[in-house]
Amino acid sequence: MFICFEGIAGSGKTTQTKLLADYLKNVKGKDVFVSAVYERERRKAISDFMNLSGIKADQNAVMFLFQALHAAQYHEVHEALMSDKIVIADRWRYSFFAHHLQQNTFNGDAMLMNQLDLLTRRYL
């Protein structure tokens, strides 16, 4: 089973993800995997990389970094689902598409962003 919370920043996705995961684990005794593509450790790694390397990232560069994170997330989720775990995702694809369309990444070319996303998860 795959459950996903989508929404704008500050809308409560992480809170709802945690509440549901705790309920399923502690009350229902289910095996749960929580997927958060941009959680604390990954956020720090991306930030450290950009700060240490002196990258002046434009929105296109940021999109590629996020696609790398998505590839890792897709792999983790696939493995969890194959292990019969309930997967709860704190964001999935649509929050990121909305963000990058609003930021005019790749000049707002939604088809190009979709193709990059397909490439990211092609080999799962």
N, C-alpha and C. Protein backbone atom coordinates (compact mmCIF):
# COMPACT_ATOMS: atom_id res chain seq x y z
N MET A 1 0.83 -1.16 0.00
CA MET A 1 0.00 0.00 0.00
C MET A 1 0.89 1.24 0.00
N PHE A 2 0.52 2.20 -0.81
CA PHE A 2 1.26 3.45 -0.93
C PHE A 2 0.32 4.61 -0.62
N ILE A 3 0.69 5.41 0.36
CA ILE A 3 -0.08 6.58 0.77
C ILE A 3 0.83 7.79 0.66
N CYS A 4 0.33 8.87 0.08
CA CYS A 4 1.16 10.05 -0.12
C CYS A 4 0.44 11.31 0.34
N PHE A 5 1.18 12.17 1.02
CA PHE A 5 0.67 13.48 1.38
C PHE A 5 1.35 14.52 0.50
N GLU A 6 0.56 15.29 -0.22
CA GLU A 6 1.05 16.36 -1.07
C GLU A 6 0.51 17.68 -0.56
N GLY A 7 1.20 18.76 -0.86
CA GLY A 7 0.71 20.06 -0.48
C GLY A 7 1.83 21.09 -0.44
N ILE A 8 1.42 22.32 -0.22
CA ILE A 8 2.39 23.41 -0.17
C ILE A 8 3.18 23.36 1.13
N ALA A 9 4.30 24.08 1.17
CA ALA A 9 5.13 24.14 2.36
C ALA A 9 4.30 24.64 3.54
N GLY A 10 4.45 23.96 4.66
CA GLY A 10 3.77 24.37 5.88
C GLY A 10 2.33 23.90 6.00
N SER A 11 1.88 23.04 5.09
CA SER A 11 0.49 22.60 5.12
C SER A 11 0.24 21.42 6.05
N GLY A 12 1.28 20.86 6.64
CA GLY A 12 1.10 19.78 7.60
C GLY A 12 1.41 18.39 7.08
N LYS A 13 2.06 18.29 5.93
CA LYS A 13 2.36 16.97 5.34
C LYS A 13 3.20 16.12 6.28
N THR A 14 4.27 16.69 6.81
CA THR A 14 5.17 15.94 7.67
C THR A 14 4.46 15.52 8.96
N THR A 15 3.66 16.41 9.52
CA THR A 15 2.90 16.10 10.73
C THR A 15 1.93 14.95 10.48
N GLN A 16 1.18 15.03 9.39
CA GLN A 16 0.21 13.97 9.08
C GLN A 16 0.91 12.64 8.76
N THR A 17 2.04 12.72 8.08
CA THR A 17 2.81 11.52 7.77
C THR A 17 3.23 10.83 9.07
N LYS A 18 3.77 11.60 10.00
CA LYS A 18 4.22 11.05 11.28
C LYS A 18 3.06 10.48 12.08
N LEU A 19 1.95 11.21 12.16
CA LEU A 19 0.79 10.73 12.91
C LEU A 19 0.27 9.40 12.34
N LEU A 20 0.14 9.32 11.03
CA LEU A 20 -0.36 8.09 10.40
C LEU A 20 0.62 6.94 10.60
N ALA A 21 1.91 7.20 10.41
CA ALA A 21 2.92 6.15 10.58
C ALA A 21 2.90 5.63 12.02
N ASP A 22 2.85 6.55 12.99
CA ASP A 22 2.81 6.13 14.40
C ASP A 22 1.57 5.30 14.69
N TYR A 23 0.44 5.70 14.16
CA TYR A 23 -0.81 4.95 14.36
C TYR A 23 -0.71 3.55 13.76
N LEU A 24 -0.27 3.48 12.51
CA LEU A 24 -0.19 2.17 11.85
C LEU A 24 0.81 1.24 12.54
N LYS A 25 1.93 1.80 12.99
CA LYS A 25 2.95 0.99 13.67
C LYS A 25 2.51 0.58 15.07
N ASN A 26 2.13 1.58 15.88
CA ASN A 26 1.91 1.34 17.31
C ASN A 26 0.53 0.82 17.66
N VAL A 27 -0.48 1.18 16.89
CA VAL A 27 -1.84 0.73 17.20
C VAL A 27 -2.21 -0.50 16.37
N LYS A 28 -1.85 -0.48 15.10
CA LYS A 28 -2.24 -1.57 14.20
C LYS A 28 -1.14 -2.61 14.00
N GLY A 29 0.07 -2.33 14.48
CA GLY A 29 1.17 -3.29 14.37
C GLY A 29 1.66 -3.54 12.96
N LYS A 30 1.52 -2.56 12.10
CA LYS A 30 1.91 -2.70 10.69
C LYS A 30 3.38 -2.34 10.49
N ASP A 31 3.96 -2.92 9.44
CA ASP A 31 5.33 -2.60 9.04
C ASP A 31 5.25 -1.42 8.08
N VAL A 32 5.80 -0.27 8.50
CA VAL A 32 5.64 0.98 7.77
C VAL A 32 7.00 1.55 7.39
N PHE A 33 7.08 2.04 6.17
CA PHE A 33 8.26 2.77 5.71
C PHE A 33 7.83 4.18 5.36
N VAL A 34 8.49 5.17 5.95
CA VAL A 34 8.19 6.57 5.66
C VAL A 34 9.22 7.08 4.67
N SER A 35 8.73 7.64 3.57
CA SER A 35 9.59 8.17 2.52
C SER A 35 9.50 9.69 2.51
N ALA A 36 10.64 10.32 2.67
CA ALA A 36 10.69 11.79 2.62
C ALA A 36 11.91 12.16 1.79
N VAL A 37 11.67 12.56 0.54
CA VAL A 37 12.77 12.81 -0.39
C VAL A 37 13.70 13.91 0.09
N TYR A 38 13.16 14.88 0.79
CA TYR A 38 13.97 16.03 1.18
C TYR A 38 13.96 16.17 2.70
N GLU A 39 14.21 15.06 3.38
CA GLU A 39 14.24 15.09 4.83
C GLU A 39 15.55 15.69 5.32
N ARG A 40 15.70 15.80 6.59
CA ARG A 40 16.79 16.53 7.23
C ARG A 40 18.19 16.16 6.70
N GLU A 41 18.51 14.87 6.63
CA GLU A 41 19.87 14.46 6.21
C GLU A 41 20.13 14.80 4.74
N ARG A 42 19.16 14.54 3.90
CA ARG A 42 19.34 14.84 2.47
C ARG A 42 19.38 16.35 2.23
N ARG A 43 18.55 17.07 2.94
CA ARG A 43 18.54 18.54 2.82
C ARG A 43 19.92 19.08 3.19
N LYS A 44 20.50 18.56 4.27
CA LYS A 44 21.83 19.00 4.71
C LYS A 44 22.89 18.64 3.67
N ALA A 45 22.81 17.42 3.12
CA ALA A 45 23.79 17.00 2.12
C ALA A 45 23.76 17.90 0.89
N ILE A 46 22.57 18.22 0.41
CA ILE A 46 22.44 19.10 -0.76
C ILE A 46 22.97 20.49 -0.43
N SER A 47 22.58 21.00 0.73
CA SER A 47 23.03 22.33 1.14
C SER A 47 24.55 22.37 1.30
N ASP A 48 25.11 21.35 1.96
CA ASP A 48 26.57 21.29 2.14
C ASP A 48 27.29 21.22 0.80
N PHE A 49 26.76 20.39 -0.12
CA PHE A 49 27.37 20.26 -1.43
C PHE A 49 27.40 21.61 -2.16
N MET A 50 26.28 22.30 -2.14
CA MET A 50 26.20 23.57 -2.84
C MET A 50 27.09 24.62 -2.18
N ASN A 51 27.19 24.60 -0.86
CA ASN A 51 28.03 25.57 -0.15
C ASN A 51 29.51 25.26 -0.30
N LEU A 52 29.91 23.99 -0.21
CA LEU A 52 31.32 23.62 -0.30
C LEU A 52 31.87 23.76 -1.71
N SER A 53 31.05 23.46 -2.69
CA SER A 53 31.54 23.49 -4.06
C SER A 53 31.43 24.88 -4.68
N GLY A 54 30.82 25.80 -3.97
CA GLY A 54 30.67 27.16 -4.50
C GLY A 54 29.71 27.26 -5.66
N ILE A 55 28.82 26.29 -5.77
CA ILE A 55 27.86 26.30 -6.88
C ILE A 55 26.88 27.45 -6.70
N LYS A 56 26.72 28.19 -7.73
CA LYS A 56 25.66 29.20 -7.75
C LYS A 56 24.55 28.56 -8.57
N ALA A 57 23.67 27.84 -7.87
CA ALA A 57 22.68 27.01 -8.54
C ALA A 57 21.51 27.83 -9.06
N ASP A 58 21.23 27.67 -10.35
CA ASP A 58 20.00 28.22 -10.89
C ASP A 58 18.92 27.15 -10.73
N GLN A 59 17.70 27.47 -11.12
CA GLN A 59 16.61 26.52 -10.94
C GLN A 59 16.81 25.23 -11.73
N ASN A 60 17.47 25.29 -12.87
CA ASN A 60 17.74 24.07 -13.64
C ASN A 60 18.66 23.14 -12.87
N ALA A 61 19.73 23.70 -12.28
CA ALA A 61 20.66 22.87 -11.49
C ALA A 61 19.95 22.27 -10.29
N VAL A 62 19.10 23.05 -9.66
CA VAL A 62 18.35 22.56 -8.50
C VAL A 62 17.42 21.42 -8.93
N MET A 63 16.80 21.55 -10.09
CA MET A 63 15.92 20.50 -10.59
C MET A 63 16.69 19.18 -10.77
N PHE A 64 17.89 19.25 -11.32
CA PHE A 64 18.70 18.03 -11.48
C PHE A 64 19.07 17.43 -10.13
N LEU A 65 19.41 18.26 -9.16
CA LEU A 65 19.71 17.75 -7.82
C LEU A 65 18.49 17.04 -7.24
N PHE A 66 17.32 17.65 -7.40
CA PHE A 66 16.11 17.02 -6.88
C PHE A 66 15.78 15.73 -7.63
N GLN A 67 16.07 15.67 -8.91
CA GLN A 67 15.83 14.43 -9.65
C GLN A 67 16.72 13.31 -9.11
N ALA A 68 17.94 13.65 -8.70
CA ALA A 68 18.81 12.65 -8.08
C ALA A 68 18.19 12.16 -6.77
N LEU A 69 17.63 13.07 -5.99
CA LEU A 69 16.96 12.67 -4.75
C LEU A 69 15.74 11.81 -5.05
N HIS A 70 15.00 12.16 -6.10
CA HIS A 70 13.83 11.38 -6.48
C HIS A 70 14.23 9.97 -6.89
N ALA A 71 15.32 9.83 -7.59
CA ALA A 71 15.78 8.50 -7.99
C ALA A 71 16.02 7.63 -6.76
N ALA A 72 16.66 8.20 -5.74
CA ALA A 72 16.88 7.47 -4.50
C ALA A 72 15.55 7.14 -3.82
N GLN A 73 14.64 8.10 -3.81
CA GLN A 73 13.34 7.88 -3.19
C GLN A 73 12.57 6.77 -3.92
N TYR A 74 12.53 6.83 -5.24
CA TYR A 74 11.82 5.80 -6.00
C TYR A 74 12.38 4.41 -5.69
N HIS A 75 13.70 4.31 -5.61
CA HIS A 75 14.34 3.03 -5.32
C HIS A 75 13.94 2.54 -3.91
N GLU A 76 14.02 3.42 -2.93
CA GLU A 76 13.66 3.04 -1.56
C GLU A 76 12.20 2.60 -1.45
N VAL A 77 11.32 3.34 -2.11
CA VAL A 77 9.90 3.01 -2.06
C VAL A 77 9.64 1.68 -2.76
N HIS A 78 10.25 1.48 -3.89
CA HIS A 78 10.10 0.22 -4.62
C HIS A 78 10.52 -0.96 -3.74
N GLU A 79 11.68 -0.84 -3.10
CA GLU A 79 12.17 -1.90 -2.22
C GLU A 79 11.20 -2.15 -1.05
N ALA A 80 10.69 -1.08 -0.45
CA ALA A 80 9.76 -1.23 0.67
C ALA A 80 8.46 -1.91 0.23
N LEU A 81 7.94 -1.51 -0.93
CA LEU A 81 6.71 -2.13 -1.43
C LEU A 81 6.93 -3.60 -1.76
N MET A 82 8.09 -3.94 -2.31
CA MET A 82 8.40 -5.33 -2.61
C MET A 82 8.54 -6.17 -1.33
N SER A 83 8.79 -5.50 -0.21
CA SER A 83 8.90 -6.17 1.10
C SER A 83 7.58 -6.13 1.85
N ASP A 84 6.50 -5.79 1.15
CA ASP A 84 5.15 -5.75 1.72
C ASP A 84 4.99 -4.75 2.86
N LYS A 85 5.75 -3.68 2.82
CA LYS A 85 5.58 -2.63 3.82
C LYS A 85 4.53 -1.64 3.33
N ILE A 86 3.89 -0.98 4.27
CA ILE A 86 3.03 0.15 3.94
C ILE A 86 3.96 1.34 3.78
N VAL A 87 3.87 2.03 2.67
CA VAL A 87 4.72 3.19 2.41
C VAL A 87 3.89 4.46 2.55
N ILE A 88 4.41 5.38 3.35
CA ILE A 88 3.78 6.70 3.49
C ILE A 88 4.81 7.72 3.02
N ALA A 89 4.44 8.47 2.00
CA ALA A 89 5.37 9.45 1.43
C ALA A 89 5.00 10.86 1.86
N ASP A 90 6.01 11.56 2.34
CA ASP A 90 5.89 12.98 2.65
C ASP A 90 6.36 13.70 1.39
N ARG A 91 5.44 13.95 0.49
CA ARG A 91 5.63 14.49 -0.86
C ARG A 91 5.98 13.35 -1.82
N TRP A 92 5.61 13.58 -3.03
CA TRP A 92 5.98 12.65 -4.10
C TRP A 92 6.31 13.52 -5.29
N ARG A 93 5.80 13.25 -6.43
CA ARG A 93 6.18 13.97 -7.64
C ARG A 93 5.48 15.32 -7.80
N TYR A 94 4.23 15.39 -7.46
CA TYR A 94 3.42 16.55 -7.85
C TYR A 94 3.80 17.84 -7.11
N SER A 95 4.21 17.72 -5.86
CA SER A 95 4.66 18.91 -5.13
C SER A 95 5.88 19.53 -5.81
N PHE A 96 6.77 18.68 -6.28
CA PHE A 96 7.99 19.18 -6.93
C PHE A 96 7.70 19.76 -8.31
N PHE A 97 6.79 19.11 -9.06
CA PHE A 97 6.41 19.68 -10.35
C PHE A 97 5.79 21.06 -10.16
N ALA A 98 4.90 21.17 -9.19
CA ALA A 98 4.25 22.47 -8.93
C ALA A 98 5.29 23.53 -8.58
N HIS A 99 6.25 23.15 -7.73
CA HIS A 99 7.30 24.10 -7.33
C HIS A 99 8.11 24.55 -8.54
N HIS A 100 8.56 23.60 -9.35
CA HIS A 100 9.42 23.95 -10.48
C HIS A 100 8.67 24.66 -11.60
N LEU A 101 7.40 24.37 -11.75
CA LEU A 101 6.62 25.14 -12.72
C LEU A 101 6.47 26.59 -12.24
N GLN A 102 6.24 26.77 -10.94
CA GLN A 102 6.12 28.11 -10.38
C GLN A 102 7.44 28.86 -10.48
N GLN A 103 8.57 28.16 -10.32
CA GLN A 103 9.89 28.77 -10.40
C GLN A 103 10.36 28.96 -11.84
N ASN A 104 9.56 28.47 -12.79
CA ASN A 104 9.87 28.58 -14.22
C ASN A 104 11.13 27.80 -14.61
N THR A 105 11.36 26.69 -13.90
CA THR A 105 12.47 25.80 -14.24
C THR A 105 12.31 25.32 -15.67
N PHE A 106 13.39 25.29 -16.42
CA PHE A 106 13.36 24.88 -17.83
C PHE A 106 12.30 25.67 -18.60
N ASN A 107 12.18 26.95 -18.28
CA ASN A 107 11.21 27.84 -18.92
C ASN A 107 9.78 27.30 -18.84
N GLY A 108 9.48 26.62 -17.72
CA GLY A 108 8.12 26.11 -17.52
C GLY A 108 7.75 24.96 -18.41
N ASP A 109 8.72 24.28 -19.00
CA ASP A 109 8.45 23.19 -19.92
C ASP A 109 8.07 21.93 -19.13
N ALA A 110 6.78 21.78 -18.88
CA ALA A 110 6.29 20.65 -18.10
C ALA A 110 6.60 19.32 -18.78
N MET A 111 6.57 19.28 -20.10
CA MET A 111 6.87 18.04 -20.81
C MET A 111 8.32 17.60 -20.56
N LEU A 112 9.24 18.55 -20.57
CA LEU A 112 10.65 18.23 -20.30
C LEU A 112 10.81 17.74 -18.87
N MET A 113 10.15 18.40 -17.92
CA MET A 113 10.25 17.95 -16.52
C MET A 113 9.66 16.55 -16.37
N ASN A 114 8.58 16.27 -17.06
CA ASN A 114 7.99 14.93 -17.01
C ASN A 114 8.93 13.89 -17.61
N GLN A 115 9.60 14.22 -18.71
CA GLN A 115 10.55 13.30 -19.32
C GLN A 115 11.72 13.01 -18.38
N LEU A 116 12.22 14.05 -17.70
CA LEU A 116 13.29 13.85 -16.72
C LEU A 116 12.83 12.94 -15.58
N ASP A 117 11.59 13.13 -15.16
CA ASP A 117 11.05 12.29 -14.09
C ASP A 117 10.93 10.84 -14.55
N LEU A 118 10.46 10.65 -15.77
CA LEU A 118 10.36 9.28 -16.31
C LEU A 118 11.74 8.63 -16.39
N LEU A 119 12.73 9.38 -16.81
CA LEU A 119 14.10 8.87 -16.87
C LEU A 119 14.60 8.50 -15.47
N THR A 120 14.25 9.30 -14.49
CA THR A 120 14.68 9.07 -13.12
C THR A 120 14.21 7.73 -12.60
N ARG A 121 13.01 7.33 -12.96
CA ARG A 121 12.46 6.08 -12.41
C ARG A 121 12.34 4.95 -13.43
N ARG A 122 12.97 5.11 -14.56
CA ARG A 122 12.87 4.13 -15.64
C ARG A 122 13.37 2.74 -15.26
N TYR A 123 14.39 2.65 -14.46
CA TYR A 123 15.04 1.36 -14.24
C TYR A 123 14.62 0.70 -12.94
N LEU A 124 13.47 1.04 -12.42
CA LEU A 124 12.97 0.38 -11.21
C LEU A 124 12.24 -0.88 -11.57
